[in-house]
Amino acid sequence: MGIFDNCELVENGKKINHYYQMSKIFLRKLGKNIRYIRKNKGLSQEKLAELVNKTRNYIGMIERAEINMPASVLYDLSKALNVEVKDFFDF
């Protein structure tokens, strides 16, 4: 049994699953890394969105951890930013 197996988290008065909470933390870190890399490459959200054939809003949602994108989008982002996919997970 893992250390968090019996944990219950409460958010806005509702019990939430710890796996959900860990997933949100992971997505926040991933989004921050994507934003950091994008900014270091001197690209706006709009320009990156254009390069990967997505909307600027979609890129913003990724960076704010509001969505869990498919692996194919991670691949497209890595090509557009000229980095390896693993670089997004350097946290």
N, C-alpha and C. Protein backbone atom coordinates (compact mmCIF):
# COMPACT_ATOMS: atom_id res chain seq x y z
N MET A 1 0.85 -1.17 0.00
CA MET A 1 0.00 0.00 0.00
C MET A 1 0.89 1.24 0.00
N GLY A 2 0.56 2.22 -0.87
CA GLY A 2 1.33 3.45 -0.96
C GLY A 2 0.96 4.42 0.14
N ILE A 3 1.79 5.41 0.31
CA ILE A 3 1.60 6.37 1.39
C ILE A 3 0.30 7.17 1.25
N PHE A 4 -0.18 7.38 0.03
CA PHE A 4 -1.38 8.17 -0.19
C PHE A 4 -2.64 7.33 -0.39
N ASP A 5 -2.55 6.02 -0.27
CA ASP A 5 -3.68 5.15 -0.61
C ASP A 5 -4.93 5.42 0.22
N ASN A 6 -4.79 5.88 1.44
CA ASN A 6 -5.96 6.11 2.27
C ASN A 6 -6.24 7.59 2.49
N CYS A 7 -5.64 8.44 1.70
CA CYS A 7 -5.83 9.88 1.87
C CYS A 7 -7.11 10.34 1.19
N GLU A 8 -7.77 11.28 1.84
CA GLU A 8 -8.91 11.95 1.24
C GLU A 8 -8.60 13.43 1.24
N LEU A 9 -8.75 14.06 0.11
CA LEU A 9 -8.55 15.49 0.00
C LEU A 9 -9.91 16.14 -0.14
N VAL A 10 -10.01 17.37 0.36
CA VAL A 10 -11.27 18.09 0.26
C VAL A 10 -11.02 19.37 -0.52
N GLU A 11 -11.84 19.59 -1.54
CA GLU A 11 -11.73 20.79 -2.36
C GLU A 11 -13.12 21.36 -2.53
N ASN A 12 -13.31 22.60 -2.10
CA ASN A 12 -14.63 23.25 -2.16
C ASN A 12 -15.70 22.41 -1.48
N GLY A 13 -15.35 21.82 -0.36
CA GLY A 13 -16.30 21.05 0.41
C GLY A 13 -16.59 19.65 -0.11
N LYS A 14 -15.91 19.25 -1.18
CA LYS A 14 -16.12 17.92 -1.75
C LYS A 14 -14.87 17.09 -1.58
N LYS A 15 -15.07 15.81 -1.26
CA LYS A 15 -13.94 14.89 -1.20
C LYS A 15 -13.48 14.58 -2.61
N ILE A 16 -12.18 14.64 -2.81
CA ILE A 16 -11.65 14.31 -4.13
C ILE A 16 -10.59 13.23 -4.00
N ASN A 17 -10.43 12.48 -5.02
CA ASN A 17 -9.48 11.38 -5.08
C ASN A 17 -8.06 11.94 -5.13
N HIS A 18 -7.15 11.33 -4.36
CA HIS A 18 -5.77 11.81 -4.35
C HIS A 18 -5.11 11.63 -5.71
N TYR A 19 -5.54 10.64 -6.48
CA TYR A 19 -4.96 10.45 -7.81
C TYR A 19 -5.32 11.63 -8.71
N TYR A 20 -6.54 12.13 -8.56
CA TYR A 20 -6.97 13.31 -9.31
C TYR A 20 -6.10 14.50 -8.92
N GLN A 21 -5.87 14.67 -7.62
CA GLN A 21 -5.05 15.79 -7.14
C GLN A 21 -3.62 15.67 -7.67
N MET A 22 -3.05 14.48 -7.64
CA MET A 22 -1.69 14.28 -8.14
C MET A 22 -1.63 14.55 -9.64
N SER A 23 -2.68 14.18 -10.35
CA SER A 23 -2.76 14.43 -11.78
C SER A 23 -2.76 15.93 -12.06
N LYS A 24 -3.51 16.70 -11.28
CA LYS A 24 -3.56 18.15 -11.47
C LYS A 24 -2.20 18.77 -11.19
N ILE A 25 -1.51 18.30 -10.17
CA ILE A 25 -0.16 18.81 -9.86
C ILE A 25 0.77 18.52 -11.03
N PHE A 26 0.70 17.31 -11.55
CA PHE A 26 1.52 16.92 -12.68
C PHE A 26 1.24 17.80 -13.89
N LEU A 27 -0.05 18.02 -14.20
CA LEU A 27 -0.41 18.85 -15.34
C LEU A 27 0.03 20.30 -15.17
N ARG A 28 -0.02 20.81 -13.93
CA ARG A 28 0.46 22.18 -13.68
C ARG A 28 1.95 22.29 -13.97
N LYS A 29 2.72 21.30 -13.53
CA LYS A 29 4.16 21.32 -13.78
C LYS A 29 4.46 21.21 -15.26
N LEU A 30 3.74 20.34 -15.94
CA LEU A 30 3.91 20.17 -17.38
C LEU A 30 3.58 21.47 -18.12
N GLY A 31 2.47 22.08 -17.77
CA GLY A 31 2.06 23.34 -18.39
C GLY A 31 3.07 24.45 -18.15
N LYS A 32 3.59 24.52 -16.92
CA LYS A 32 4.61 25.53 -16.62
C LYS A 32 5.87 25.33 -17.46
N ASN A 33 6.27 24.08 -17.63
CA ASN A 33 7.45 23.80 -18.44
C ASN A 33 7.23 24.17 -19.90
N ILE A 34 6.06 23.85 -20.42
CA ILE A 34 5.76 24.20 -21.81
C ILE A 34 5.78 25.73 -21.97
N ARG A 35 5.18 26.44 -21.03
CA ARG A 35 5.19 27.91 -21.07
C ARG A 35 6.61 28.45 -20.99
N TYR A 36 7.41 27.91 -20.09
CA TYR A 36 8.79 28.36 -19.92
C TYR A 36 9.59 28.17 -21.21
N ILE A 37 9.46 26.99 -21.81
CA ILE A 37 10.19 26.70 -23.05
C ILE A 37 9.70 27.61 -24.18
N ARG A 38 8.39 27.78 -24.28
CA ARG A 38 7.83 28.66 -25.31
C ARG A 38 8.37 30.08 -25.19
N LYS A 39 8.35 30.61 -23.97
CA LYS A 39 8.84 31.97 -23.76
C LYS A 39 10.33 32.09 -24.05
N ASN A 40 11.10 31.07 -23.65
CA ASN A 40 12.54 31.10 -23.92
C ASN A 40 12.85 31.05 -25.41
N LYS A 41 11.93 30.48 -26.18
CA LYS A 41 12.10 30.43 -27.64
C LYS A 41 11.57 31.71 -28.30
N GLY A 42 11.02 32.60 -27.49
CA GLY A 42 10.53 33.88 -28.00
C GLY A 42 9.23 33.77 -28.79
N LEU A 43 8.43 32.78 -28.47
CA LEU A 43 7.16 32.58 -29.19
C LEU A 43 5.97 33.00 -28.34
N SER A 44 5.01 33.61 -28.97
CA SER A 44 3.75 33.90 -28.30
C SER A 44 2.88 32.65 -28.34
N GLN A 45 1.84 32.64 -27.52
CA GLN A 45 0.89 31.53 -27.57
C GLN A 45 0.26 31.45 -28.95
N GLU A 46 -0.01 32.59 -29.52
CA GLU A 46 -0.63 32.63 -30.84
C GLU A 46 0.27 32.02 -31.91
N LYS A 47 1.55 32.36 -31.89
CA LYS A 47 2.49 31.82 -32.87
C LYS A 47 2.65 30.31 -32.69
N LEU A 48 2.79 29.86 -31.44
CA LEU A 48 2.91 28.42 -31.19
C LEU A 48 1.66 27.70 -31.65
N ALA A 49 0.51 28.26 -31.37
CA ALA A 49 -0.76 27.65 -31.79
C ALA A 49 -0.80 27.50 -33.32
N GLU A 50 -0.34 28.51 -34.00
CA GLU A 50 -0.28 28.47 -35.47
C GLU A 50 0.63 27.34 -35.95
N LEU A 51 1.77 27.18 -35.29
CA LEU A 51 2.73 26.15 -35.68
C LEU A 51 2.21 24.73 -35.49
N VAL A 52 1.33 24.54 -34.50
CA VAL A 52 0.82 23.19 -34.21
C VAL A 52 -0.64 23.01 -34.65
N ASN A 53 -1.15 24.01 -35.38
CA ASN A 53 -2.51 23.95 -35.91
C ASN A 53 -3.57 23.81 -34.81
N LYS A 54 -3.40 24.60 -33.76
CA LYS A 54 -4.36 24.66 -32.65
C LYS A 54 -4.72 26.12 -32.44
N THR A 55 -5.63 26.38 -31.52
CA THR A 55 -5.99 27.77 -31.21
C THR A 55 -5.11 28.30 -30.08
N ARG A 56 -5.02 29.62 -30.00
CA ARG A 56 -4.28 30.24 -28.90
C ARG A 56 -4.91 29.87 -27.57
N ASN A 57 -6.23 29.78 -27.55
CA ASN A 57 -6.94 29.39 -26.33
C ASN A 57 -6.54 27.99 -25.88
N TYR A 58 -6.38 27.08 -26.83
CA TYR A 58 -5.99 25.70 -26.52
C TYR A 58 -4.60 25.68 -25.87
N ILE A 59 -3.68 26.46 -26.42
CA ILE A 59 -2.33 26.53 -25.85
C ILE A 59 -2.40 27.10 -24.43
N GLY A 60 -3.20 28.12 -24.23
CA GLY A 60 -3.39 28.68 -22.90
C GLY A 60 -3.95 27.67 -21.92
N MET A 61 -4.90 26.87 -22.37
CA MET A 61 -5.49 25.84 -21.51
C MET A 61 -4.46 24.79 -21.12
N ILE A 62 -3.56 24.45 -22.04
CA ILE A 62 -2.48 23.51 -21.73
C ILE A 62 -1.58 24.11 -20.66
N GLU A 63 -1.17 25.35 -20.88
CA GLU A 63 -0.24 26.01 -19.95
C GLU A 63 -0.85 26.24 -18.58
N ARG A 64 -2.16 26.39 -18.50
CA ARG A 64 -2.85 26.58 -17.22
C ARG A 64 -3.34 25.28 -16.61
N ALA A 65 -3.00 24.15 -17.23
CA ALA A 65 -3.38 22.81 -16.74
C ALA A 65 -4.89 22.63 -16.69
N GLU A 66 -5.58 23.20 -17.64
CA GLU A 66 -7.03 23.05 -17.69
C GLU A 66 -7.47 21.86 -18.53
N ILE A 67 -6.55 21.33 -19.32
CA ILE A 67 -6.86 20.15 -20.13
C ILE A 67 -5.69 19.18 -20.08
N ASN A 68 -5.99 17.95 -20.35
CA ASN A 68 -4.98 16.91 -20.46
C ASN A 68 -4.88 16.56 -21.94
N MET A 69 -3.82 17.01 -22.58
CA MET A 69 -3.72 16.84 -24.03
C MET A 69 -3.23 15.46 -24.42
N PRO A 70 -3.55 15.03 -25.62
CA PRO A 70 -3.04 13.74 -26.09
C PRO A 70 -1.54 13.80 -26.38
N ALA A 71 -0.93 12.64 -26.41
CA ALA A 71 0.51 12.54 -26.69
C ALA A 71 0.86 13.14 -28.04
N SER A 72 -0.05 13.05 -29.00
CA SER A 72 0.23 13.61 -30.33
C SER A 72 0.44 15.12 -30.26
N VAL A 73 -0.26 15.80 -29.36
CA VAL A 73 -0.08 17.25 -29.21
C VAL A 73 1.27 17.53 -28.56
N LEU A 74 1.65 16.72 -27.58
CA LEU A 74 2.98 16.88 -26.98
C LEU A 74 4.06 16.74 -28.05
N TYR A 75 3.89 15.77 -28.91
CA TYR A 75 4.84 15.57 -30.00
C TYR A 75 4.89 16.79 -30.92
N ASP A 76 3.73 17.29 -31.31
CA ASP A 76 3.67 18.47 -32.18
C ASP A 76 4.31 19.69 -31.51
N LEU A 77 4.05 19.86 -30.21
CA LEU A 77 4.65 20.97 -29.48
C LEU A 77 6.17 20.84 -29.44
N SER A 78 6.65 19.63 -29.24
CA SER A 78 8.10 19.42 -29.17
C SER A 78 8.76 19.77 -30.51
N LYS A 79 8.12 19.40 -31.60
CA LYS A 79 8.68 19.71 -32.93
C LYS A 79 8.65 21.22 -33.18
N ALA A 80 7.55 21.87 -32.82
CA ALA A 80 7.42 23.31 -33.03
C ALA A 80 8.42 24.10 -32.18
N LEU A 81 8.71 23.59 -30.98
CA LEU A 81 9.63 24.27 -30.07
C LEU A 81 11.06 23.78 -30.21
N ASN A 82 11.26 22.80 -31.09
CA ASN A 82 12.59 22.25 -31.35
C ASN A 82 13.25 21.70 -30.08
N VAL A 83 12.47 20.92 -29.32
CA VAL A 83 12.96 20.23 -28.13
C VAL A 83 12.46 18.79 -28.19
N GLU A 84 12.98 17.96 -27.31
CA GLU A 84 12.48 16.60 -27.21
C GLU A 84 11.30 16.57 -26.23
N VAL A 85 10.38 15.67 -26.44
CA VAL A 85 9.21 15.56 -25.58
C VAL A 85 9.64 15.42 -24.12
N LYS A 86 10.70 14.69 -23.87
CA LYS A 86 11.16 14.47 -22.49
C LYS A 86 11.54 15.77 -21.80
N ASP A 87 11.88 16.80 -22.56
CA ASP A 87 12.24 18.10 -21.97
C ASP A 87 11.06 18.75 -21.26
N PHE A 88 9.84 18.43 -21.68
CA PHE A 88 8.65 18.96 -21.02
C PHE A 88 8.48 18.37 -19.61
N PHE A 89 9.10 17.22 -19.38
CA PHE A 89 8.92 16.50 -18.12
C PHE A 89 10.12 16.66 -17.19
N ASP A 90 10.88 17.69 -17.38
CA ASP A 90 12.06 17.93 -16.55
C ASP A 90 11.65 18.69 -15.30
N PHE A 91 11.01 17.96 -14.36
CA PHE A 91 10.60 18.56 -13.08
C PHE A 91 10.71 17.56 -11.96
